[in-house]
């Protein structure tokens, strides 16, 4: 039975308004990044009177954007790899084996997502400073310290999501792998992991996006040499002026890796997020 015309028109109007709501900020960002600074700070114009690509070249000289880009790439990439590797082993153990404290572990992992991140800022700061004073290991102001910080947020959700995905993988595959002579690790890497690629990709995308755009901990746990992109964009604001055209250009540039990765892995991401929801 075809839906009524009133429903179709209501859907078209809603989708049109939603598209305008999403596209309009992107349009303003793109046009502002192509304007001279005096046009951006002057009266707003929907259609720019003059276009220039100089802001896309100036962003690399106004602040050390390349260094910030490298710091974000190293931190986000390392946090993603560590999160995926640890989550795969932890989720496989919880999904396939019974052990004492299993339910307490899963509830604890899930309950950590209930607390806002700002509650952990001061404790982590004090822990890093005390470790540095006691052992000489510089966690505060270093990339390693920031990677560990991001793991505290991405890892619990990654484990919880992979547990649900591994539970949806039939246990008969494990038994078939054991019959063929595989041990627990052989069954994990040769059978379970290939079958769980969509879930693993979803975890990797989540961990990378969490680390790539995080501001709160990056603004406290970094210094001039380890500053990430999310904090480094503040450098375009000085005491005398704000380079709005460069801010918009830099925002578009730093968003490209995340957008490109999301578009390339979209089909895996959707499958990974929905798998395990219904058993």
Foldseek 3Di string as FASTA:
>chain_A
DDDDPVVVVVVVVVVVVVVCVVVVVVLVLVQLLQDAQVQNPDDDDSDDPDGHNVLLVCLCVLFVQVLQAVLLCVLLVVLLVVLLVVLLVLLLCLQPDDDPCSVVVLVVLVCLQVDDPVVCQVVLVVVQVVCCVVPVDRLFADSNVLSVSLNSPLNSVLNNLVNLQLNLPDCVLVVVVVVVPDDPVRSSVVPRCVVLVLQSLLSSLVSSVSSNQDDPNLVGRHDSSNRHPNPRLCSQDDPVGHRSSSSSSSVVVSCVVSVVSCVVSVVSNVCNNPGSPPD
